[in-house]
Amino acid sequence: MPVTEVGDGRALQRLLDELGRLPGIGPKSAQRIAYYLLESDAEQCRRLSNAILDVKRQVHFCPICFSYATRDTCDVCADQTRDATTICVVSEPRDVSAVERTGAYHGLYHVLGGVISPMDRIGPDQLHVRELLTRLASGEVHEVILATNTDVEGEATATYLSRIIKPLDVMVTRFAVGMSVGGEVELADELSLGRAIEDRREV
């Protein structure tokens, strides 16, 4: 929606356009955020912009599990007390945070970077599947927990991974009760997700 009420409106419209590109932000939400920033002092806006720039400069993908990291590897991969015999496979880095909040899991992670989705032309080659198989080749991992979402794409991804991992003599499990059909890992509450981890079933 064109905005002309502040000056010529071009600077504000650019801000609205950029905010509108963020996921989950519609025109009304973009307008509320924009007007909030307009009414904030310059220092607050500077802190926000610096925080965005800093996170882009400092946060990168862990070369081992492909979760977010600020050092050479992420905190989980760097933690020698974690159970290295178990790997929990998730779709996105934000799913790691969801599982960690439960306090029910103490192993390692592997982030696929998405799910198999033929409609979006995403197959196994576009995901970090090859890197997962490389980690399993060491023989140290005894169990892989498939923690993809329970929607169609997540289930298809879990089925594919199970089929290629089982011949490696590694137990493959899937979240059980606690995760509703079609549910997303990052949106599940800690109690339900923790129960799903503890009651996971072999596939």
C-alpha atoms as a PDB file:
ATOM      1  CA  MET A   1       0.000   0.000   0.000  1.00  0.00           C
ATOM      2  CA  PRO A   2       1.553   3.361  -0.985  1.00  0.00           C
ATOM      3  CA  VAL A   3       2.418   5.615   1.918  1.00  0.00           C
ATOM      4  CA  THR A   4       2.494   9.383   1.409  1.00  0.00           C
ATOM      5  CA  GLU A   5       1.662  10.782   4.813  1.00  0.00           C
ATOM      6  CA  VAL A   6       5.297  11.156   5.978  1.00  0.00           C
ATOM      7  CA  GLY A   7       7.378  13.366   3.662  1.00  0.00           C
ATOM      8  CA  ASP A   8       7.296  11.930   0.162  1.00  0.00           C
ATOM      9  CA  GLY A   9       6.832   8.479   1.676  1.00  0.00           C
ATOM     10  CA  ARG A  10       9.634   6.776  -0.248  1.00  0.00           C
ATOM     11  CA  ALA A  11      11.850   5.968   2.759  1.00  0.00           C
ATOM     12  CA  LEU A  12       8.896   4.681   4.752  1.00  0.00           C
ATOM     13  CA  GLN A  13       7.628   2.663   1.802  1.00  0.00           C
ATOM     14  CA  ARG A  14      11.021   1.018   1.400  1.00  0.00           C
ATOM     15  CA  LEU A  15      10.939   0.044   5.066  1.00  0.00           C
ATOM     16  CA  LEU A  16       7.413  -1.336   4.694  1.00  0.00           C
ATOM     17  CA  ASP A  17       8.470  -3.318   1.625  1.00  0.00           C
ATOM     18  CA  GLU A  18      11.457  -4.856   3.427  1.00  0.00           C
ATOM     19  CA  LEU A  19       9.443  -5.694   6.554  1.00  0.00           C
ATOM     20  CA  GLY A  20       6.754  -7.238   4.378  1.00  0.00           C
ATOM     21  CA  ARG A  21       9.305  -9.702   2.983  1.00  0.00           C
ATOM     22  CA  LEU A  22       9.809 -11.227   6.435  1.00  0.00           C
ATOM     23  CA  PRO A  23       7.941 -14.509   7.065  1.00  0.00           C
ATOM     24  CA  GLY A  24       4.667 -14.069   8.915  1.00  0.00           C
ATOM     25  CA  ILE A  25       4.661 -10.289   8.506  1.00  0.00           C
ATOM     26  CA  GLY A  26       1.674  -8.975   6.573  1.00  0.00           C
ATOM     27  CA  PRO A  27       1.000  -5.368   5.516  1.00  0.00           C
ATOM     28  CA  LYS A  28      -0.634  -4.405   8.835  1.00  0.00           C
ATOM     29  CA  SER A  29       2.144  -5.940  10.934  1.00  0.00           C
ATOM     30  CA  ALA A  30       4.762  -4.269   8.744  1.00  0.00           C
ATOM     31  CA  GLN A  31       3.023  -0.930   9.240  1.00  0.00           C
ATOM     32  CA  ARG A  32       2.897  -1.367  13.045  1.00  0.00           C
ATOM     33  CA  ILE A  33       6.598  -2.196  13.195  1.00  0.00           C
ATOM     34  CA  ALA A  34       7.509   0.662  10.873  1.00  0.00           C
ATOM     35  CA  TYR A  35       5.584   3.236  12.892  1.00  0.00           C
ATOM     36  CA  TYR A  36       7.072   1.841  16.115  1.00  0.00           C
ATOM     37  CA  LEU A  37      10.555   2.392  14.679  1.00  0.00           C
ATOM     38  CA  LEU A  38       9.610   5.887  13.543  1.00  0.00           C
ATOM     39  CA  GLU A  39       8.551   6.776  17.074  1.00  0.00           C
ATOM     40  CA  SER A  40      11.672   5.221  18.647  1.00  0.00           C
ATOM     41  CA  ASP A  41      14.803   7.231  19.286  1.00  0.00           C
ATOM     42  CA  ALA A  42      17.781   6.927  16.943  1.00  0.00           C
ATOM     43  CA  GLU A  43      19.840   4.933  19.453  1.00  0.00           C
ATOM     44  CA  GLN A  44      17.226   2.188  19.713  1.00  0.00           C
ATOM     45  CA  CYS A  45      17.061   1.919  15.926  1.00  0.00           C
ATOM     46  CA  ARG A  46      20.860   1.843  15.776  1.00  0.00           C
ATOM     47  CA  ARG A  47      20.986  -1.022  18.297  1.00  0.00           C
ATOM     48  CA  LEU A  48      18.470  -2.986  16.233  1.00  0.00           C
ATOM     49  CA  SER A  49      20.333  -2.453  12.979  1.00  0.00           C
ATOM     50  CA  ASN A  50      23.673  -3.343  14.625  1.00  0.00           C
ATOM     51  CA  ALA A  51      22.169  -6.504  16.104  1.00  0.00           C
ATOM     52  CA  ILE A  52      20.991  -7.587  12.645  1.00  0.00           C
ATOM     53  CA  LEU A  53      24.383  -6.863  11.081  1.00  0.00           C
ATOM     54  CA  ASP A  54      26.247  -8.596  13.929  1.00  0.00           C
ATOM     55  CA  VAL A  55      24.205 -11.782  13.657  1.00  0.00           C
ATOM     56  CA  LYS A  56      24.910 -11.915   9.921  1.00  0.00           C
ATOM     57  CA  ARG A  57      28.626 -11.407  10.525  1.00  0.00           C
ATOM     58  CA  GLN A  58      29.056 -13.726  13.507  1.00  0.00           C
ATOM     59  CA  VAL A  59      26.598 -16.594  13.060  1.00  0.00           C
ATOM     60  CA  HIS A  60      27.348 -19.335  10.547  1.00  0.00           C
ATOM     61  CA  PHE A  61      26.547 -22.993   9.980  1.00  0.00           C
ATOM     62  CA  CYS A  62      28.413 -25.558  12.081  1.00  0.00           C
ATOM     63  CA  PRO A  63      30.602 -27.604   9.689  1.00  0.00           C
ATOM     64  CA  ILE A  64      29.684 -30.803  11.561  1.00  0.00           C
ATOM     65  CA  CYS A  65      25.930 -30.705  12.178  1.00  0.00           C
ATOM     66  CA  PHE A  66      24.869 -27.600  10.143  1.00  0.00           C
ATOM     67  CA  SER A  67      23.136 -25.942  13.085  1.00  0.00           C
ATOM     68  CA  TYR A  68      23.948 -22.320  13.921  1.00  0.00           C
ATOM     69  CA  ALA A  69      27.342 -21.564  15.449  1.00  0.00           C
ATOM     70  CA  THR A  70      29.280 -18.517  16.565  1.00  0.00           C
ATOM     71  CA  ARG A  71      32.592 -20.329  17.039  1.00  0.00           C
ATOM     72  CA  ASP A  72      34.336 -22.994  14.931  1.00  0.00           C
ATOM     73  CA  THR A  73      31.580 -25.483  15.806  1.00  0.00           C
ATOM     74  CA  CYS A  74      28.234 -25.142  17.567  1.00  0.00           C
ATOM     75  CA  ASP A  75      27.952 -25.504  21.346  1.00  0.00           C
ATOM     76  CA  VAL A  76      26.457 -28.999  21.109  1.00  0.00           C
ATOM     77  CA  CYS A  77      29.174 -30.425  18.862  1.00  0.00           C
ATOM     78  CA  ALA A  78      31.825 -28.813  21.068  1.00  0.00           C
ATOM     79  CA  ASP A  79      30.353 -30.334  24.249  1.00  0.00           C
ATOM     80  CA  GLN A  80      32.352 -33.459  25.107  1.00  0.00           C
ATOM     81  CA  THR A  81      29.708 -34.571  27.621  1.00  0.00           C
ATOM     82  CA  ARG A  82      27.070 -35.156  24.920  1.00  0.00           C
ATOM     83  CA  ASP A  83      26.183 -38.723  23.959  1.00  0.00           C
ATOM     84  CA  ALA A  84      28.060 -39.210  20.679  1.00  0.00           C
ATOM     85  CA  THR A  85      26.329 -42.527  19.996  1.00  0.00           C
ATOM     86  CA  THR A  86      23.013 -40.830  19.183  1.00  0.00           C
ATOM     87  CA  ILE A  87      22.201 -38.320  16.465  1.00  0.00           C
ATOM     88  CA  CYS A  88      18.875 -36.502  16.260  1.00  0.00           C
ATOM     89  CA  VAL A  89      18.112 -35.510  12.664  1.00  0.00           C
ATOM     90  CA  VAL A  90      16.029 -32.340  12.244  1.00  0.00           C
ATOM     91  CA  SER A  91      14.963 -30.257   9.268  1.00  0.00           C
ATOM     92  CA  GLU A  92      16.081 -26.776  10.341  1.00  0.00           C
ATOM     93  CA  PRO A  93      18.432 -25.223  12.952  1.00  0.00           C
ATOM     94  CA  ARG A  94      15.447 -23.806  14.855  1.00  0.00           C
ATOM     95  CA  ASP A  95      14.305 -27.383  15.534  1.00  0.00           C
ATOM     96  CA  VAL A  96      17.510 -27.954  17.525  1.00  0.00           C
ATOM     97  CA  SER A  97      16.451 -25.209  19.932  1.00  0.00           C
ATOM     98  CA  ALA A  98      13.005 -26.775  20.291  1.00  0.00           C
ATOM     99  CA  VAL A  99      14.427 -30.184  21.197  1.00  0.00           C
ATOM    100  CA  GLU A 100      17.034 -28.677  23.527  1.00  0.00           C
ATOM    101  CA  ARG A 101      14.343 -26.850  25.511  1.00  0.00           C
ATOM    102  CA  THR A 102      12.803 -30.189  26.520  1.00  0.00           C
ATOM    103  CA  GLY A 103      15.913 -31.240  28.458  1.00  0.00           C
ATOM    104  CA  ALA A 104      15.059 -34.828  27.450  1.00  0.00           C
ATOM    105  CA  TYR A 105      17.774 -35.319  24.845  1.00  0.00           C
ATOM    106  CA  HIS A 106      21.534 -35.341  25.411  1.00  0.00           C
ATOM    107  CA  GLY A 107      22.961 -36.592  22.132  1.00  0.00           C
ATOM    108  CA  LEU A 108      24.166 -34.839  18.994  1.00  0.00           C
ATOM    109  CA  TYR A 109      22.249 -33.324  16.076  1.00  0.00           C
ATOM    110  CA  HIS A 110      22.286 -33.233  12.309  1.00  0.00           C
ATOM    111  CA  VAL A 111      20.393 -30.516  10.430  1.00  0.00           C
ATOM    112  CA  LEU A 112      19.208 -31.463   6.951  1.00  0.00           C
ATOM    113  CA  GLY A 113      18.544 -27.923   5.813  1.00  0.00           C
ATOM    114  CA  GLY A 114      15.017 -28.725   4.672  1.00  0.00           C
ATOM    115  CA  VAL A 115      12.935 -31.734   3.670  1.00  0.00           C
ATOM    116  CA  ILE A 116      12.379 -33.724   0.506  1.00  0.00           C
ATOM    117  CA  SER A 117       9.741 -31.888  -1.506  1.00  0.00           C
ATOM    118  CA  PRO A 118       9.316 -32.793  -5.186  1.00  0.00           C
ATOM    119  CA  MET A 119       6.890 -29.902  -5.641  1.00  0.00           C
ATOM    120  CA  ASP A 120       9.685 -27.500  -4.670  1.00  0.00           C
ATOM    121  CA  ARG A 121      12.280 -29.519  -6.579  1.00  0.00           C
ATOM    122  CA  ILE A 122      14.092 -30.433  -3.377  1.00  0.00           C
ATOM    123  CA  GLY A 123      15.545 -33.918  -3.308  1.00  0.00           C
ATOM    124  CA  PRO A 124      18.138 -35.670  -1.124  1.00  0.00           C
ATOM    125  CA  ASP A 125      20.971 -34.054  -3.084  1.00  0.00           C
ATOM    126  CA  GLN A 126      19.813 -30.609  -1.960  1.00  0.00           C
ATOM    127  CA  LEU A 127      19.921 -31.666   1.714  1.00  0.00           C
ATOM    128  CA  HIS A 128      22.788 -32.589   4.049  1.00  0.00           C
ATOM    129  CA  VAL A 129      22.159 -36.311   3.603  1.00  0.00           C
ATOM    130  CA  ARG A 130      25.605 -37.187   2.277  1.00  0.00           C
ATOM    131  CA  GLU A 131      27.209 -35.502   5.283  1.00  0.00           C
ATOM    132  CA  LEU A 132      24.970 -37.508   7.624  1.00  0.00           C
ATOM    133  CA  LEU A 133      26.059 -40.766   6.009  1.00  0.00           C
ATOM    134  CA  THR A 134      29.682 -39.693   6.384  1.00  0.00           C
ATOM    135  CA  ARG A 135      29.151 -39.183  10.126  1.00  0.00           C
ATOM    136  CA  LEU A 136      27.542 -42.598  10.427  1.00  0.00           C
ATOM    137  CA  ALA A 137      30.426 -44.283   8.599  1.00  0.00           C
ATOM    138  CA  SER A 138      32.623 -43.942  11.694  1.00  0.00           C
ATOM    139  CA  GLY A 139      30.628 -46.698  13.400  1.00  0.00           C
ATOM    140  CA  GLU A 140      30.374 -44.691  16.613  1.00  0.00           C
ATOM    141  CA  VAL A 141      26.685 -43.831  16.189  1.00  0.00           C
ATOM    142  CA  HIS A 142      24.250 -46.528  17.377  1.00  0.00           C
ATOM    143  CA  GLU A 143      20.945 -44.676  16.996  1.00  0.00           C
ATOM    144  CA  VAL A 144      19.543 -42.052  14.656  1.00  0.00           C
ATOM    145  CA  ILE A 145      16.365 -40.268  15.777  1.00  0.00           C
ATOM    146  CA  LEU A 146      14.376 -38.898  12.857  1.00  0.00           C
ATOM    147  CA  ALA A 147      12.795 -35.701  14.192  1.00  0.00           C
ATOM    148  CA  THR A 148      11.383 -34.240  11.001  1.00  0.00           C
ATOM    149  CA  ASN A 149       7.877 -32.796  11.101  1.00  0.00           C
ATOM    150  CA  THR A 150       4.934 -35.170  10.839  1.00  0.00           C
ATOM    151  CA  ASP A 151       3.517 -33.563   7.685  1.00  0.00           C
ATOM    152  CA  VAL A 152       3.709 -35.230   4.262  1.00  0.00           C
ATOM    153  CA  GLU A 153       7.171 -33.911   3.394  1.00  0.00           C
ATOM    154  CA  GLY A 154       8.570 -34.690   6.837  1.00  0.00           C
ATOM    155  CA  GLU A 155       7.262 -38.243   6.762  1.00  0.00           C
ATOM    156  CA  ALA A 156       8.593 -38.789   3.243  1.00  0.00           C
ATOM    157  CA  THR A 157      12.011 -37.545   4.345  1.00  0.00           C
ATOM    158  CA  ALA A 158      11.981 -39.801   7.410  1.00  0.00           C
ATOM    159  CA  THR A 159      11.007 -42.820   5.292  1.00  0.00           C
ATOM    160  CA  TYR A 160      13.811 -42.139   2.825  1.00  0.00           C
ATOM    161  CA  LEU A 161      16.418 -41.704   5.561  1.00  0.00           C
ATOM    162  CA  SER A 162      15.284 -44.841   7.355  1.00  0.00           C
ATOM    163  CA  ARG A 163      15.666 -46.856   4.172  1.00  0.00           C
ATOM    164  CA  ILE A 164      19.248 -45.756   3.551  1.00  0.00           C
ATOM    165  CA  ILE A 165      20.411 -45.797   7.183  1.00  0.00           C
ATOM    166  CA  LYS A 166      19.166 -49.240   8.249  1.00  0.00           C
ATOM    167  CA  PRO A 167      21.690 -51.149   6.077  1.00  0.00           C
ATOM    168  CA  LEU A 168      24.446 -49.415   8.055  1.00  0.00           C
ATOM    169  CA  ASP A 169      23.432 -51.419  11.142  1.00  0.00           C
ATOM    170  CA  VAL A 170      22.252 -48.301  12.951  1.00  0.00           C
ATOM    171  CA  MET A 171      18.963 -48.283  14.868  1.00  0.00           C
ATOM    172  CA  VAL A 172      16.507 -45.755  13.435  1.00  0.00           C
ATOM    173  CA  THR A 173      13.775 -44.308  15.659  1.00  0.00           C
ATOM    174  CA  ARG A 174      10.991 -41.778  15.220  1.00  0.00           C
ATOM    175  CA  PHE A 175       9.182 -39.517  17.674  1.00  0.00           C
ATOM    176  CA  ALA A 176       6.164 -41.286  19.148  1.00  0.00           C
ATOM    177  CA  VAL A 177       3.236 -39.956  21.190  1.00  0.00           C
ATOM    178  CA  GLY A 178       3.317 -36.277  21.966  1.00  0.00           C
ATOM    179  CA  MET A 179       3.716 -35.161  18.354  1.00  0.00           C
ATOM    180  CA  SER A 180       0.405 -34.793  16.559  1.00  0.00           C
ATOM    181  CA  VAL A 181       0.013 -35.789  12.927  1.00  0.00           C
ATOM    182  CA  GLY A 182       1.026 -32.841  10.780  1.00  0.00           C
ATOM    183  CA  GLY A 183       2.681 -31.138  13.753  1.00  0.00           C
ATOM    184  CA  GLU A 184       5.847 -29.063  13.539  1.00  0.00           C
ATOM    185  CA  VAL A 185       8.771 -29.741  15.872  1.00  0.00           C
ATOM    186  CA  GLU A 186       9.556 -26.073  16.569  1.00  0.00           C
ATOM    187  CA  LEU A 187       5.934 -25.325  17.557  1.00  0.00           C
ATOM    188  CA  ALA A 188       5.433 -28.272  19.913  1.00  0.00           C
ATOM    189  CA  ASP A 189       5.407 -27.486  23.637  1.00  0.00           C
ATOM    190  CA  GLU A 190       8.271 -28.789  25.742  1.00  0.00           C
ATOM    191  CA  LEU A 191       6.166 -31.397  27.583  1.00  0.00           C
ATOM    192  CA  SER A 192       4.744 -32.945  24.416  1.00  0.00           C
ATOM    193  CA  LEU A 193       8.084 -32.894  22.609  1.00  0.00           C
ATOM    194  CA  GLY A 194       9.904 -34.340  25.612  1.00  0.00           C
ATOM    195  CA  ARG A 195       7.371 -37.176  25.811  1.00  0.00           C
ATOM    196  CA  ALA A 196       7.792 -37.792  22.090  1.00  0.00           C
ATOM    197  CA  ILE A 197      11.548 -38.124  22.544  1.00  0.00           C
ATOM    198  CA  GLU A 198      11.314 -40.471  25.517  1.00  0.00           C
ATOM    199  CA  ASP A 199       8.698 -42.711  23.855  1.00  0.00           C
ATOM    200  CA  ARG A 200      10.316 -42.776  20.432  1.00  0.00           C
ATOM    201  CA  ARG A 201       9.750 -45.958  18.403  1.00  0.00           C
ATOM    202  CA  GLU A 202      12.010 -47.898  16.081  1.00  0.00           C
ATOM    203  CA  VAL A 203      11.202 -47.619  12.376  1.00  0.00           C
END
